[in-house]
Amino acid sequence: MALVGLDTSLFIYLLEDHPSYAPKAARIFDALRKGKHVGLFSALGMIEILTGPKKQGRDDLAAQYEHHLRHFPNLSIVGLNERIVWIASDLRAKYGIKTPDAIHLATSIDAGARTFITNDKSLRKVKEIRVVLL
C-alpha cells in the first residue's frame, strides 16, 4: 500500500461537489476506502476545510466535515512537528512556495510519502517528492 500526501483542494472538490474535479477526487478517496493507498493529510488542511463552513455560520457543517475526515478509512491527519517545520522552511527557501503549500508537502515528505496529489501546477517544481496533478 502506497502512502500518498493529499492537498486540501481534493477534499474541498469532493465536499463541495465541484463539477469538474469532484469525480476525479472521488476516485482517489475510493482507492483509500478500498485500502489501495494510505492517505496523509496535514492538520493545517483541517483549518482550511473548516474555515468555509464557519464563515457561513455553519458550525454544524464544519463538525460534519471534521467527523467525516477523522473517521475516513486509511487517512491519517498529521500535526506540525519540528521536522516538518524544518523541511517546510527548506522548501520555501528553495522554491519560494507559500507557507501552507510548504507545510502540506513537508508533512508528506516527513512521513515518507513518495507522491503528493494536488491541483496546483506551481508545486510541480518541487523535486523532493513526486507531485501529481489531479
Protein backbone atom coordinates (compact mmCIF):
# COMPACT_ATOMS: atom_id res chain seq x y z
CA MET A 1 0.00 0.00 0.00
CA ALA A 2 1.50 3.31 -1.07
CA LEU A 3 1.46 6.33 1.21
CA VAL A 4 0.27 9.44 -0.66
CA GLY A 5 0.09 13.02 0.51
CA LEU A 6 -3.15 14.84 -0.23
CA ASP A 7 -3.68 18.54 -0.77
CA THR A 8 -6.68 20.32 0.74
CA SER A 9 -8.16 21.07 -2.66
CA LEU A 10 -9.01 17.38 -3.18
CA PHE A 11 -11.19 17.36 -0.09
CA ILE A 12 -12.86 20.65 -0.99
CA TYR A 13 -13.64 19.46 -4.52
CA LEU A 14 -15.34 16.41 -3.09
CA LEU A 15 -17.16 18.14 -0.22
CA GLU A 16 -18.44 20.94 -2.44
CA ASP A 17 -19.18 18.61 -5.38
CA HIS A 18 -17.06 20.55 -7.87
CA PRO A 19 -18.44 19.79 -11.35
CA SER A 20 -15.06 19.06 -12.99
CA TYR A 21 -12.90 17.81 -10.15
CA ALA A 22 -15.22 16.03 -7.71
CA PRO A 23 -15.35 12.82 -9.81
CA LYS A 24 -11.53 12.72 -10.01
CA ALA A 25 -11.17 13.36 -6.28
CA ALA A 26 -13.81 10.71 -5.59
CA ARG A 27 -11.66 8.10 -7.36
CA ILE A 28 -8.74 8.91 -5.06
CA PHE A 29 -10.90 8.65 -1.94
CA ASP A 30 -12.42 5.43 -3.23
CA ALA A 31 -8.91 3.97 -3.53
CA LEU A 32 -8.26 4.99 0.09
CA ARG A 33 -11.54 3.47 1.22
CA LYS A 34 -10.64 0.19 -0.51
CA GLY A 35 -7.17 0.16 1.05
CA LYS A 36 -5.27 0.57 -2.20
CA HIS A 37 -3.44 3.58 -0.73
CA VAL A 38 -2.96 5.25 2.62
CA GLY A 39 -3.66 8.97 2.53
CA LEU A 40 -1.76 11.55 4.52
CA PHE A 41 -3.16 14.97 5.28
CA SER A 42 -1.70 17.87 7.23
CA ALA A 43 -3.74 19.18 10.17
CA LEU A 44 -3.29 22.57 8.51
CA GLY A 45 -5.70 21.29 5.87
CA MET A 46 -8.35 20.83 8.53
CA ILE A 47 -8.13 24.56 9.24
CA GLU A 48 -8.52 25.28 5.55
CA ILE A 49 -11.53 22.97 5.21
CA LEU A 50 -13.35 24.09 8.35
CA THR A 51 -12.97 27.82 7.66
CA GLY A 52 -15.51 27.96 4.81
CA PRO A 53 -18.45 26.49 6.74
CA LYS A 54 -17.56 28.54 9.82
CA LYS A 55 -17.53 31.76 7.77
CA GLN A 56 -21.09 30.89 6.76
CA GLY A 57 -22.07 30.35 10.40
CA ARG A 58 -22.38 26.61 9.71
CA ASP A 59 -20.61 25.09 12.70
CA ASP A 60 -22.82 22.04 12.19
CA LEU A 61 -21.39 21.51 8.71
CA ALA A 62 -17.84 22.12 9.96
CA ALA A 63 -18.42 19.45 12.62
CA GLN A 64 -19.71 17.02 9.97
CA TYR A 65 -16.66 17.64 7.78
CA GLU A 66 -14.30 17.14 10.70
CA HIS A 67 -16.01 13.94 11.81
CA HIS A 68 -16.01 12.55 8.27
CA LEU A 69 -12.30 13.26 7.76
CA ARG A 70 -11.19 11.99 11.15
CA HIS A 71 -13.01 8.69 10.56
CA PHE A 72 -12.22 8.21 6.88
CA PRO A 73 -10.60 4.80 6.22
CA ASN A 74 -6.87 4.77 5.54
CA LEU A 75 -6.46 8.51 6.08
CA SER A 76 -4.05 9.93 8.65
CA ILE A 77 -4.16 13.55 9.76
CA VAL A 78 -0.74 14.70 10.91
CA GLY A 79 0.06 17.69 13.10
CA LEU A 80 3.01 20.01 12.79
CA ASN A 81 6.31 18.99 14.37
CA GLU A 82 9.86 20.36 14.36
CA ARG A 83 10.99 18.17 11.43
CA ILE A 84 8.05 19.36 9.31
CA VAL A 85 8.85 22.99 10.19
CA TRP A 86 12.47 22.45 9.10
CA ILE A 87 11.53 20.74 5.83
CA ALA A 88 8.85 23.35 5.07
CA SER A 89 11.30 26.21 5.59
CA ASP A 90 13.78 24.47 3.26
CA LEU A 91 11.07 24.15 0.59
CA ARG A 92 10.06 27.81 0.96
CA ALA A 93 13.67 28.94 0.73
CA LYS A 94 14.46 26.74 -2.26
CA TYR A 95 11.27 27.14 -4.31
CA GLY A 96 9.56 30.27 -2.99
CA ILE A 97 6.29 28.44 -2.42
CA LYS A 98 3.62 29.61 0.01
CA THR A 99 3.82 28.53 3.64
CA PRO A 100 0.65 26.37 3.58
CA ASP A 101 1.87 24.53 0.47
CA ALA A 102 5.29 24.03 2.05
CA ILE A 103 3.68 22.58 5.18
CA HIS A 104 1.50 20.18 3.20
CA LEU A 105 4.46 18.96 1.16
CA ALA A 106 6.78 18.78 4.18
CA THR A 107 4.21 16.74 6.10
CA SER A 108 4.14 14.21 3.26
CA ILE A 109 7.91 14.15 2.87
CA ASP A 110 8.47 13.73 6.61
CA ALA A 111 6.05 10.78 6.74
CA GLY A 112 7.81 9.03 3.85
CA ALA A 113 5.21 9.56 1.14
CA ARG A 114 6.65 9.39 -2.34
CA THR A 115 3.71 11.14 -4.02
CA PHE A 116 1.71 14.30 -3.27
CA ILE A 117 -1.58 14.81 -5.12
CA THR A 118 -2.71 18.36 -5.76
CA ASN A 119 -4.22 20.53 -8.43
CA ASP A 120 -1.63 23.27 -8.02
CA LYS A 121 0.62 23.28 -11.09
CA SER A 122 3.14 25.57 -9.40
CA LEU A 123 4.09 22.78 -6.99
CA ARG A 124 5.45 20.58 -9.79
CA LYS A 125 8.78 22.40 -9.44
CA VAL A 126 9.34 20.70 -6.07
CA LYS A 127 11.73 17.77 -6.59
CA GLU A 128 11.83 16.28 -3.07
CA ILE A 129 8.53 14.45 -3.67
CA ARG A 130 6.67 13.41 -6.82
CA VAL A 131 3.89 15.96 -7.35
CA VAL A 132 0.91 14.60 -9.27
CA LEU A 133 -1.85 16.84 -10.60
CA LEU A 134 -5.45 15.80 -10.22
